[in-house]
Amino acid sequence: QVEDVQSVLALNTPAAVEAVVAAIADARRVGFIGVRASFGIAFEFRYAYHLIARNGVLFEGIGGTLQDQVDTLGRNDVLVAISHEPYSMPTVRAVDAAAARGVGVVALTDSTLSPLARKATHTLLYQTDSVSFFPSMIAPLALVELLLARLAARGGKAVLTRLAEVERRLVEQHAYWQPANGKSPA
């Protein structure tokens, strides 16, 4: 798993990472898609992205509507698609459809030969080597955290303002548990 995390920096140049950050930062809307094992990564990306920007949407395909959701993206938008071998067909179809309409596609995947990478505007790679039957998800999560950190840094004061808004809302909604004395346990 250490090698998987290290693959994020080993397989992607700083320029490639910054190109993805710029594409996401400049997009009108950012759609996030990942199915099966990659759904958790897509969910985390969109969840954390929402803390710094309002223009992200998670495409989860409830009721068989995944392609309908992806169809809402246009030329000024970006689809962030996450998948690795074995590549999930709904994600491959979504990337193909989005790319055909001129939507910018950011592929987070395991190979330049991935069906996502073939149609992507930008591709960032990770490895999923594992000691078990299941691919490790630690590297795609590390890649998402790297992108979020770069997006937050790029956003400057607007991100700080957004974070303050979110924090106020969460406090007002009592989103997090607080001990009765108001102090966090040591």
N, C-alpha and C. Protein backbone atom coordinates (compact mmCIF):
# COMPACT_ATOMS: atom_id res chain seq x y z
N GLN A 1 0.81 -1.19 0.00
CA GLN A 1 0.00 0.00 0.00
C GLN A 1 0.86 1.26 0.00
N VAL A 2 2.01 1.19 0.62
CA VAL A 2 2.93 2.33 0.57
C VAL A 2 3.33 2.58 -0.87
N GLU A 3 3.63 1.52 -1.60
CA GLU A 3 4.00 1.68 -3.01
C GLU A 3 2.83 2.24 -3.83
N ASP A 4 1.62 1.86 -3.50
CA ASP A 4 0.45 2.40 -4.20
C ASP A 4 0.36 3.91 -3.99
N VAL A 5 0.53 4.35 -2.75
CA VAL A 5 0.49 5.79 -2.47
C VAL A 5 1.62 6.49 -3.21
N GLN A 6 2.80 5.92 -3.18
CA GLN A 6 3.94 6.52 -3.88
C GLN A 6 3.72 6.59 -5.39
N SER A 7 2.89 5.70 -5.91
CA SER A 7 2.62 5.70 -7.35
C SER A 7 1.96 6.99 -7.81
N VAL A 8 1.24 7.64 -6.94
CA VAL A 8 0.54 8.88 -7.31
C VAL A 8 1.55 9.93 -7.77
N LEU A 9 2.64 10.08 -7.03
CA LEU A 9 3.66 11.05 -7.42
C LEU A 9 4.60 10.51 -8.49
N ALA A 10 4.83 9.20 -8.48
CA ALA A 10 5.75 8.61 -9.45
C ALA A 10 5.16 8.57 -10.86
N LEU A 11 3.85 8.40 -10.97
CA LEU A 11 3.22 8.23 -12.28
C LEU A 11 2.69 9.53 -12.88
N ASN A 12 2.67 10.61 -12.11
CA ASN A 12 2.07 11.86 -12.57
C ASN A 12 3.03 13.03 -12.38
N THR A 13 3.27 13.76 -13.44
CA THR A 13 4.14 14.93 -13.32
C THR A 13 3.39 16.06 -12.62
N PRO A 14 4.12 16.96 -11.98
CA PRO A 14 3.46 18.13 -11.39
C PRO A 14 2.65 18.91 -12.43
N ALA A 15 3.15 18.99 -13.67
CA ALA A 15 2.43 19.71 -14.71
C ALA A 15 1.10 19.03 -15.03
N ALA A 16 1.08 17.70 -15.05
CA ALA A 16 -0.17 16.98 -15.32
C ALA A 16 -1.18 17.20 -14.20
N VAL A 17 -0.71 17.18 -12.96
CA VAL A 17 -1.58 17.44 -11.82
C VAL A 17 -2.15 18.85 -11.91
N GLU A 18 -1.29 19.81 -12.19
CA GLU A 18 -1.75 21.21 -12.27
C GLU A 18 -2.70 21.43 -13.44
N ALA A 19 -2.53 20.71 -14.53
CA ALA A 19 -3.45 20.82 -15.66
C ALA A 19 -4.84 20.33 -15.26
N VAL A 20 -4.91 19.26 -14.49
CA VAL A 20 -6.19 18.75 -14.00
C VAL A 20 -6.81 19.75 -13.03
N VAL A 21 -6.01 20.29 -12.14
CA VAL A 21 -6.50 21.28 -11.19
C VAL A 21 -7.08 22.48 -11.94
N ALA A 22 -6.37 22.96 -12.95
CA ALA A 22 -6.85 24.10 -13.73
C ALA A 22 -8.16 23.76 -14.45
N ALA A 23 -8.24 22.57 -15.02
CA ALA A 23 -9.46 22.17 -15.72
C ALA A 23 -10.66 22.14 -14.78
N ILE A 24 -10.47 21.59 -13.60
CA ILE A 24 -11.56 21.52 -12.63
C ILE A 24 -11.90 22.92 -12.12
N ALA A 25 -10.89 23.70 -11.80
CA ALA A 25 -11.12 25.04 -11.26
C ALA A 25 -11.82 25.95 -12.26
N ASP A 26 -11.57 25.77 -13.53
CA ASP A 26 -12.15 26.63 -14.56
C ASP A 26 -13.50 26.15 -15.08
N ALA A 27 -13.94 24.98 -14.65
CA ALA A 27 -15.18 24.40 -15.17
C ALA A 27 -16.41 25.11 -14.59
N ARG A 28 -17.45 25.18 -15.42
CA ARG A 28 -18.74 25.71 -14.95
C ARG A 28 -19.34 24.73 -13.95
N ARG A 29 -19.37 23.45 -14.32
CA ARG A 29 -19.85 22.38 -13.45
C ARG A 29 -18.85 21.25 -13.50
N VAL A 30 -18.74 20.53 -12.39
CA VAL A 30 -17.85 19.38 -12.31
C VAL A 30 -18.68 18.17 -11.88
N GLY A 31 -18.76 17.18 -12.75
CA GLY A 31 -19.44 15.94 -12.42
C GLY A 31 -18.44 14.91 -11.96
N PHE A 32 -18.81 14.15 -10.97
CA PHE A 32 -17.94 13.10 -10.43
C PHE A 32 -18.63 11.76 -10.63
N ILE A 33 -17.91 10.80 -11.21
CA ILE A 33 -18.49 9.48 -11.44
C ILE A 33 -17.48 8.39 -11.11
N GLY A 34 -17.98 7.40 -10.43
CA GLY A 34 -17.26 6.17 -10.15
C GLY A 34 -18.30 5.17 -9.70
N VAL A 35 -18.24 3.98 -10.20
CA VAL A 35 -19.20 2.97 -9.79
C VAL A 35 -18.46 1.80 -9.18
N ARG A 36 -19.21 0.97 -8.51
CA ARG A 36 -18.67 -0.18 -7.78
C ARG A 36 -17.61 0.30 -6.78
N ALA A 37 -16.43 -0.26 -6.78
CA ALA A 37 -15.41 0.12 -5.79
C ALA A 37 -15.01 1.59 -5.91
N SER A 38 -15.12 2.15 -7.09
CA SER A 38 -14.71 3.54 -7.29
C SER A 38 -15.77 4.54 -6.83
N PHE A 39 -16.97 4.07 -6.51
CA PHE A 39 -18.01 4.99 -6.07
C PHE A 39 -17.59 5.72 -4.79
N GLY A 40 -16.99 5.02 -3.86
CA GLY A 40 -16.57 5.66 -2.61
C GLY A 40 -15.55 6.76 -2.85
N ILE A 41 -14.67 6.56 -3.82
CA ILE A 41 -13.67 7.58 -4.14
C ILE A 41 -14.35 8.79 -4.79
N ALA A 42 -15.27 8.53 -5.72
CA ALA A 42 -16.00 9.63 -6.35
C ALA A 42 -16.83 10.39 -5.32
N PHE A 43 -17.46 9.66 -4.41
CA PHE A 43 -18.25 10.31 -3.36
C PHE A 43 -17.37 11.20 -2.49
N GLU A 44 -16.23 10.68 -2.06
CA GLU A 44 -15.32 11.46 -1.22
C GLU A 44 -14.81 12.70 -1.95
N PHE A 45 -14.48 12.54 -3.24
CA PHE A 45 -14.00 13.68 -4.02
C PHE A 45 -15.07 14.76 -4.07
N ARG A 46 -16.29 14.38 -4.45
CA ARG A 46 -17.35 15.37 -4.53
C ARG A 46 -17.68 15.96 -3.15
N TYR A 47 -17.71 15.13 -2.11
CA TYR A 47 -18.02 15.62 -0.77
C TYR A 47 -17.01 16.69 -0.34
N ALA A 48 -15.74 16.38 -0.44
CA ALA A 48 -14.71 17.33 -0.02
C ALA A 48 -14.66 18.53 -0.96
N TYR A 49 -14.86 18.31 -2.25
CA TYR A 49 -14.88 19.40 -3.22
C TYR A 49 -15.99 20.39 -2.88
N HIS A 50 -17.14 19.87 -2.43
CA HIS A 50 -18.26 20.74 -2.06
C HIS A 50 -17.90 21.67 -0.89
N LEU A 51 -16.93 21.29 -0.10
CA LEU A 51 -16.50 22.16 1.00
C LEU A 51 -15.79 23.41 0.48
N ILE A 52 -15.24 23.34 -0.73
CA ILE A 52 -14.49 24.49 -1.28
C ILE A 52 -15.15 25.12 -2.49
N ALA A 53 -16.15 24.46 -3.08
CA ALA A 53 -16.81 24.99 -4.28
C ALA A 53 -18.23 24.45 -4.36
N ARG A 54 -19.10 25.22 -5.00
CA ARG A 54 -20.52 24.84 -5.08
C ARG A 54 -20.89 24.14 -6.39
N ASN A 55 -19.99 24.03 -7.33
CA ASN A 55 -20.35 23.59 -8.67
C ASN A 55 -20.12 22.11 -8.95
N GLY A 56 -19.98 21.30 -7.91
CA GLY A 56 -19.75 19.87 -8.11
C GLY A 56 -21.02 19.07 -7.91
N VAL A 57 -21.14 17.99 -8.68
CA VAL A 57 -22.29 17.10 -8.55
C VAL A 57 -21.82 15.66 -8.69
N LEU A 58 -22.36 14.80 -7.83
CA LEU A 58 -22.05 13.38 -7.87
C LEU A 58 -23.08 12.68 -8.75
N PHE A 59 -22.62 11.94 -9.73
CA PHE A 59 -23.52 11.16 -10.57
C PHE A 59 -23.55 9.74 -10.01
N GLU A 60 -24.66 9.40 -9.38
CA GLU A 60 -24.77 8.09 -8.74
C GLU A 60 -25.68 7.14 -9.48
N GLY A 61 -26.47 7.63 -10.42
CA GLY A 61 -27.26 6.75 -11.29
C GLY A 61 -28.45 6.08 -10.64
N ILE A 62 -29.01 6.68 -9.59
CA ILE A 62 -30.17 6.08 -8.94
C ILE A 62 -31.29 5.90 -9.96
N GLY A 63 -31.89 4.76 -9.94
CA GLY A 63 -33.00 4.47 -10.85
C GLY A 63 -32.56 4.28 -12.29
N GLY A 64 -31.28 3.97 -12.50
CA GLY A 64 -30.80 3.75 -13.85
C GLY A 64 -30.61 5.02 -14.65
N THR A 65 -30.37 6.15 -13.96
CA THR A 65 -30.29 7.45 -14.63
C THR A 65 -28.87 7.96 -14.83
N LEU A 66 -27.89 7.11 -14.74
CA LEU A 66 -26.51 7.57 -14.83
C LEU A 66 -26.24 8.33 -16.13
N GLN A 67 -26.64 7.76 -17.26
CA GLN A 67 -26.39 8.44 -18.54
C GLN A 67 -27.18 9.75 -18.63
N ASP A 68 -28.39 9.77 -18.07
CA ASP A 68 -29.17 11.01 -18.04
C ASP A 68 -28.44 12.09 -17.25
N GLN A 69 -27.84 11.71 -16.13
CA GLN A 69 -27.11 12.66 -15.31
C GLN A 69 -25.90 13.20 -16.05
N VAL A 70 -25.15 12.32 -16.68
CA VAL A 70 -23.96 12.74 -17.41
C VAL A 70 -24.35 13.64 -18.58
N ASP A 71 -25.52 13.40 -19.15
CA ASP A 71 -26.01 14.19 -20.28
C ASP A 71 -26.24 15.66 -19.92
N THR A 72 -26.29 15.98 -18.63
CA THR A 72 -26.47 17.39 -18.22
C THR A 72 -25.20 18.21 -18.38
N LEU A 73 -24.07 17.57 -18.59
CA LEU A 73 -22.82 18.30 -18.75
C LEU A 73 -22.66 18.80 -20.18
N GLY A 74 -22.05 19.98 -20.30
CA GLY A 74 -21.80 20.56 -21.62
C GLY A 74 -20.34 20.93 -21.81
N ARG A 75 -20.08 21.70 -22.84
CA ARG A 75 -18.70 22.03 -23.25
C ARG A 75 -17.89 22.78 -22.20
N ASN A 76 -18.51 23.52 -21.33
CA ASN A 76 -17.76 24.27 -20.31
C ASN A 76 -17.65 23.51 -18.99
N ASP A 77 -18.02 22.25 -19.02
CA ASP A 77 -18.03 21.41 -17.83
C ASP A 77 -16.92 20.37 -17.90
N VAL A 78 -16.71 19.70 -16.77
CA VAL A 78 -15.72 18.63 -16.68
C VAL A 78 -16.36 17.43 -16.00
N LEU A 79 -16.07 16.26 -16.54
CA LEU A 79 -16.46 15.00 -15.91
C LEU A 79 -15.20 14.36 -15.34
N VAL A 80 -15.19 14.15 -14.04
CA VAL A 80 -14.09 13.43 -13.39
C VAL A 80 -14.54 11.98 -13.25
N ALA A 81 -13.88 11.09 -13.97
CA ALA A 81 -14.26 9.68 -14.01
C ALA A 81 -13.17 8.83 -13.37
N ILE A 82 -13.60 7.93 -12.48
CA ILE A 82 -12.66 7.12 -11.72
C ILE A 82 -12.97 5.64 -11.97
N SER A 83 -11.99 4.91 -12.44
CA SER A 83 -12.13 3.46 -12.60
C SER A 83 -10.77 2.84 -12.88
N HIS A 84 -10.66 1.59 -12.57
CA HIS A 84 -9.45 0.83 -12.85
C HIS A 84 -9.87 -0.60 -13.19
N GLU A 85 -8.90 -1.39 -13.62
CA GLU A 85 -9.20 -2.74 -14.07
C GLU A 85 -9.80 -3.57 -12.93
N PRO A 86 -10.90 -4.27 -13.14
CA PRO A 86 -11.70 -4.32 -14.36
C PRO A 86 -12.57 -3.05 -14.46
N TYR A 87 -12.52 -2.41 -15.59
CA TYR A 87 -13.18 -1.12 -15.79
C TYR A 87 -14.69 -1.28 -15.82
N SER A 88 -15.37 -0.46 -15.04
CA SER A 88 -16.83 -0.53 -14.96
C SER A 88 -17.46 0.04 -16.22
N MET A 89 -18.29 -0.75 -16.86
CA MET A 89 -18.90 -0.36 -18.12
C MET A 89 -19.72 0.93 -18.02
N PRO A 90 -20.50 1.17 -16.97
CA PRO A 90 -21.23 2.43 -16.90
C PRO A 90 -20.31 3.66 -16.93
N THR A 91 -19.15 3.55 -16.31
CA THR A 91 -18.20 4.66 -16.32
C THR A 91 -17.59 4.83 -17.71
N VAL A 92 -17.25 3.73 -18.35
CA VAL A 92 -16.70 3.80 -19.71
C VAL A 92 -17.71 4.45 -20.65
N ARG A 93 -18.97 4.03 -20.58
CA ARG A 93 -20.01 4.61 -21.43
C ARG A 93 -20.19 6.10 -21.14
N ALA A 94 -20.15 6.47 -19.88
CA ALA A 94 -20.31 7.88 -19.51
C ALA A 94 -19.18 8.73 -20.08
N VAL A 95 -17.95 8.23 -19.99
CA VAL A 95 -16.80 8.94 -20.55
C VAL A 95 -16.94 9.08 -22.06
N ASP A 96 -17.31 8.00 -22.74
CA ASP A 96 -17.48 8.05 -24.19
C ASP A 96 -18.53 9.08 -24.59
N ALA A 97 -19.66 9.08 -23.90
CA ALA A 97 -20.75 10.00 -24.23
C ALA A 97 -20.35 11.45 -23.95
N ALA A 98 -19.72 11.68 -22.82
CA ALA A 98 -19.30 13.04 -22.47
C ALA A 98 -18.26 13.56 -23.46
N ALA A 99 -17.28 12.76 -23.76
CA ALA A 99 -16.23 13.17 -24.70
C ALA A 99 -16.80 13.45 -26.08
N ALA A 100 -17.76 12.67 -26.51
CA ALA A 100 -18.38 12.88 -27.83
C ALA A 100 -19.11 14.21 -27.91
N ARG A 101 -19.58 14.72 -26.76
CA ARG A 101 -20.27 16.01 -26.73
C ARG A 101 -19.33 17.17 -26.44
N GLY A 102 -18.04 16.92 -26.32
CA GLY A 102 -17.08 17.98 -26.08
C GLY A 102 -16.89 18.36 -24.63
N VAL A 103 -17.37 17.52 -23.73
CA VAL A 103 -17.16 17.74 -22.29
C VAL A 103 -15.71 17.39 -21.97
N GLY A 104 -15.05 18.20 -21.17
CA GLY A 104 -13.71 17.85 -20.71
C GLY A 104 -13.79 16.65 -19.79
N VAL A 105 -12.92 15.68 -20.02
CA VAL A 105 -12.92 14.47 -19.20
C VAL A 105 -11.59 14.35 -18.49
N VAL A 106 -11.67 14.21 -17.17
CA VAL A 106 -10.50 13.92 -16.34
C VAL A 106 -10.62 12.47 -15.92
N ALA A 107 -9.69 11.65 -16.37
CA ALA A 107 -9.68 10.23 -16.01
C ALA A 107 -8.69 10.00 -14.88
N LEU A 108 -9.17 9.43 -13.81
CA LEU A 108 -8.32 8.95 -12.72
C LEU A 108 -8.37 7.44 -12.84
N THR A 109 -7.26 6.84 -13.24
CA THR A 109 -7.29 5.43 -13.63
C THR A 109 -5.91 4.80 -13.45
N ASP A 110 -5.80 3.55 -13.82
CA ASP A 110 -4.58 2.78 -13.55
C ASP A 110 -3.66 2.60 -14.75
N SER A 111 -4.06 3.06 -15.93
CA SER A 111 -3.22 2.82 -17.10
C SER A 111 -3.54 3.82 -18.20
N THR A 112 -2.53 4.16 -18.97
CA THR A 112 -2.78 5.00 -20.14
C THR A 112 -3.54 4.24 -21.21
N LEU A 113 -3.62 2.93 -21.08
CA LEU A 113 -4.40 2.10 -22.00
C LEU A 113 -5.84 1.89 -21.52
N SER A 114 -6.17 2.44 -20.38
CA SER A 114 -7.52 2.35 -19.83
C SER A 114 -8.53 2.92 -20.83
N PRO A 115 -9.73 2.35 -20.91
CA PRO A 115 -10.75 2.92 -21.80
C PRO A 115 -11.15 4.34 -21.38
N LEU A 116 -10.93 4.70 -20.14
CA LEU A 116 -11.18 6.08 -19.71
C LEU A 116 -10.12 7.01 -20.29
N ALA A 117 -8.88 6.58 -20.23
CA ALA A 117 -7.76 7.42 -20.69
C ALA A 117 -7.83 7.67 -22.19
N ARG A 118 -8.36 6.72 -22.93
CA ARG A 118 -8.43 6.87 -24.40
C ARG A 118 -9.24 8.08 -24.83
N LYS A 119 -10.27 8.43 -24.07
CA LYS A 119 -11.15 9.54 -24.45
C LYS A 119 -10.95 10.78 -23.57
N ALA A 120 -10.03 10.70 -22.62
CA ALA A 120 -9.87 11.77 -21.65
C ALA A 120 -9.10 12.97 -22.20
N THR A 121 -9.46 14.11 -21.70
CA THR A 121 -8.71 15.34 -21.96
C THR A 121 -7.44 15.33 -21.10
N HIS A 122 -7.58 14.84 -19.88
CA HIS A 122 -6.47 14.73 -18.93
C HIS A 122 -6.56 13.38 -18.24
N THR A 123 -5.41 12.77 -17.98
CA THR A 123 -5.37 11.49 -17.29
C THR A 123 -4.34 11.55 -16.17
N LEU A 124 -4.75 11.12 -14.99
CA LEU A 124 -3.83 10.93 -13.88
C LEU A 124 -3.90 9.46 -13.47
N LEU A 125 -2.75 8.92 -13.14
CA LEU A 125 -2.64 7.49 -12.90
C LEU A 125 -2.38 7.14 -11.44
N TYR A 126 -2.73 5.92 -11.10
CA TYR A 126 -2.44 5.34 -9.79
C TYR A 126 -2.36 3.84 -9.96
N GLN A 127 -1.74 3.17 -9.01
CA GLN A 127 -1.72 1.70 -9.05
C GLN A 127 -2.60 1.17 -7.94
N THR A 128 -3.07 -0.07 -8.12
CA THR A 128 -4.00 -0.67 -7.17
C THR A 128 -3.51 -2.02 -6.67
N ASP A 129 -2.18 -2.21 -6.62
CA ASP A 129 -1.64 -3.48 -6.16
C ASP A 129 -2.13 -3.77 -4.74
N SER A 130 -2.38 -5.03 -4.48
CA SER A 130 -2.96 -5.41 -3.20
C SER A 130 -2.48 -6.79 -2.80
N VAL A 131 -2.48 -7.05 -1.52
CA VAL A 131 -2.14 -8.38 -1.02
C VAL A 131 -3.38 -9.27 -0.99
N SER A 132 -4.54 -8.68 -1.27
CA SER A 132 -5.77 -9.47 -1.26
C SER A 132 -6.34 -9.58 -2.67
N PHE A 133 -7.48 -10.21 -2.79
CA PHE A 133 -8.15 -10.37 -4.07
C PHE A 133 -8.60 -9.03 -4.64
N PHE A 134 -8.95 -8.09 -3.77
CA PHE A 134 -9.51 -6.81 -4.18
C PHE A 134 -8.43 -5.78 -4.44
N PRO A 135 -8.60 -4.94 -5.46
CA PRO A 135 -7.64 -3.87 -5.70
C PRO A 135 -7.61 -2.91 -4.50
N SER A 136 -6.46 -2.40 -4.20
CA SER A 136 -6.33 -1.42 -3.12
C SER A 136 -6.87 -0.07 -3.58
N MET A 137 -7.62 0.60 -2.73
CA MET A 137 -8.20 1.90 -3.05
C MET A 137 -7.44 3.05 -2.41
N ILE A 138 -6.31 2.75 -1.81
CA ILE A 138 -5.56 3.80 -1.11
C ILE A 138 -4.93 4.80 -2.08
N ALA A 139 -4.45 4.36 -3.22
CA ALA A 139 -3.81 5.28 -4.16
C ALA A 139 -4.82 6.24 -4.81
N PRO A 140 -5.99 5.77 -5.28
CA PRO A 140 -6.93 6.76 -5.82
C PRO A 140 -7.39 7.76 -4.76
N LEU A 141 -7.51 7.31 -3.52
CA LEU A 141 -7.87 8.25 -2.46
C LEU A 141 -6.76 9.26 -2.23
N ALA A 142 -5.51 8.81 -2.24
CA ALA A 142 -4.38 9.73 -2.10
C ALA A 142 -4.34 10.73 -3.25
N LEU A 143 -4.64 10.27 -4.45
CA LEU A 143 -4.67 11.17 -5.61
C LEU A 143 -5.76 12.21 -5.45
N VAL A 144 -6.93 11.80 -5.00
CA VAL A 144 -8.03 12.75 -4.76
C VAL A 144 -7.63 13.77 -3.70
N GLU A 145 -6.99 13.33 -2.64
CA GLU A 145 -6.57 14.27 -1.59
C GLU A 145 -5.53 15.26 -2.12
N LEU A 146 -4.63 14.80 -2.98
CA LEU A 146 -3.66 15.70 -3.60
C LEU A 146 -4.39 16.75 -4.44
N LEU A 147 -5.34 16.32 -5.26
CA LEU A 147 -6.08 17.26 -6.11
C LEU A 147 -6.87 18.26 -5.27
N LEU A 148 -7.49 17.79 -4.21
CA LEU A 148 -8.25 18.69 -3.34
C LEU A 148 -7.35 19.74 -2.69
N ALA A 149 -6.18 19.32 -2.25
CA ALA A 149 -5.24 20.27 -1.65
C ALA A 149 -4.81 21.33 -2.66
N ARG A 150 -4.53 20.90 -3.88
CA ARG A 150 -4.12 21.85 -4.94
C ARG A 150 -5.28 22.77 -5.33
N LEU A 151 -6.49 22.23 -5.40
CA LEU A 151 -7.66 23.06 -5.71
C LEU A 151 -7.91 24.09 -4.62
N ALA A 152 -7.79 23.68 -3.37
CA ALA A 152 -7.99 24.60 -2.26
C ALA A 152 -6.94 25.71 -2.29
N ALA A 153 -5.69 25.34 -2.53
CA ALA A 153 -4.61 26.34 -2.59
C ALA A 153 -4.84 27.31 -3.75
N ARG A 154 -5.27 26.79 -4.88
CA ARG A 154 -5.50 27.63 -6.05
C ARG A 154 -6.67 28.59 -5.83
N GLY A 155 -7.65 28.17 -5.05
CA GLY A 155 -8.87 28.96 -4.85
C GLY A 155 -8.71 30.19 -4.00
N GLY A 156 -7.64 30.26 -3.21
CA GLY A 156 -7.34 31.44 -2.42
C GLY A 156 -8.48 31.89 -1.51
N LYS A 157 -8.74 33.20 -1.54
CA LYS A 157 -9.72 33.79 -0.63
C LYS A 157 -11.12 33.24 -0.85
N ALA A 158 -11.48 32.93 -2.08
CA ALA A 158 -12.81 32.37 -2.35
C ALA A 158 -13.00 31.05 -1.62
N VAL A 159 -11.96 30.24 -1.55
CA VAL A 159 -12.04 28.97 -0.84
C VAL A 159 -12.16 29.22 0.66
N LEU A 160 -11.40 30.16 1.18
CA LEU A 160 -11.51 30.48 2.60
C LEU A 160 -12.91 30.97 2.96
N THR A 161 -13.48 31.79 2.09
CA THR A 161 -14.85 32.27 2.31
C THR A 161 -15.83 31.11 2.28
N ARG A 162 -15.68 30.22 1.32
CA ARG A 162 -16.57 29.06 1.21
C ARG A 162 -16.44 28.16 2.43
N LEU A 163 -15.22 27.90 2.87
CA LEU A 163 -15.01 27.06 4.06
C LEU A 163 -15.66 27.67 5.29
N ALA A 164 -15.57 28.99 5.43
CA ALA A 164 -16.21 29.67 6.56
C ALA A 164 -17.73 29.53 6.49
N GLU A 165 -18.30 29.66 5.29
CA GLU A 165 -19.75 29.48 5.11
C GLU A 165 -20.17 28.06 5.51
N VAL A 166 -19.43 27.09 5.04
CA VAL A 166 -19.76 25.70 5.34
C VAL A 166 -19.65 25.44 6.84
N GLU A 167 -18.59 25.94 7.44
CA GLU A 167 -18.39 25.75 8.88
C GLU A 167 -19.54 26.36 9.68
N ARG A 168 -19.96 27.57 9.31
CA ARG A 168 -21.09 28.20 10.00
C ARG A 168 -22.36 27.34 9.88
N ARG A 169 -22.62 26.85 8.68
CA ARG A 169 -23.80 26.02 8.46
C ARG A 169 -23.73 24.74 9.29
N LEU A 170 -22.59 24.11 9.31
CA LEU A 170 -22.44 22.87 10.08
C LEU A 170 -22.63 23.10 11.58
N VAL A 171 -22.12 24.22 12.08
CA VAL A 171 -22.30 24.55 13.49
C VAL A 171 -23.78 24.80 13.78
N GLU A 172 -24.43 25.57 12.92
CA GLU A 172 -25.86 25.87 13.10
C GLU A 172 -26.71 24.60 13.06
N GLN A 173 -26.32 23.65 12.24
CA GLN A 173 -27.07 22.40 12.11
C GLN A 173 -26.69 21.36 13.16
N HIS A 174 -25.75 21.71 14.02
CA HIS A 174 -25.25 20.76 15.03
C HIS A 174 -24.82 19.46 14.35
N ALA A 175 -24.04 19.59 13.30
CA ALA A 175 -23.63 18.45 12.50
C ALA A 175 -22.68 17.50 13.24
N TYR A 176 -21.94 18.03 14.20
CA TYR A 176 -20.95 17.21 14.89
C TYR A 176 -21.23 17.17 16.38
N TRP A 177 -20.98 16.04 16.96
CA TRP A 177 -21.18 15.84 18.38
C TRP A 177 -20.24 16.73 19.19
N GLN A 178 -20.74 17.30 20.23
CA GLN A 178 -19.93 18.06 21.19
C GLN A 178 -20.21 17.51 22.58
N PRO A 179 -19.18 17.31 23.38
CA PRO A 179 -19.42 16.85 24.74
C PRO A 179 -20.20 17.88 25.53
N ALA A 180 -20.87 17.45 26.59
CA ALA A 180 -21.74 18.33 27.39
C ALA A 180 -21.00 19.54 27.93
N ASN A 181 -19.73 19.38 28.28
CA ASN A 181 -18.97 20.51 28.84
C ASN A 181 -18.39 21.42 27.77
N GLY A 182 -18.62 21.08 26.49
CA GLY A 182 -18.12 21.91 25.38
C GLY A 182 -16.66 21.69 25.05
N LYS A 183 -15.98 20.84 25.79
CA LYS A 183 -14.57 20.57 25.54
C LYS A 183 -14.41 19.21 24.89
N SER A 184 -13.50 19.13 23.95
CA SER A 184 -13.22 17.84 23.33
C SER A 184 -12.45 16.96 24.29
N PRO A 185 -12.74 15.67 24.27
CA PRO A 185 -11.97 14.76 25.16
C PRO A 185 -10.50 14.74 24.77
N ALA A 186 -9.65 14.58 25.77
CA ALA A 186 -8.20 14.56 25.53
C ALA A 186 -7.75 13.25 25.01
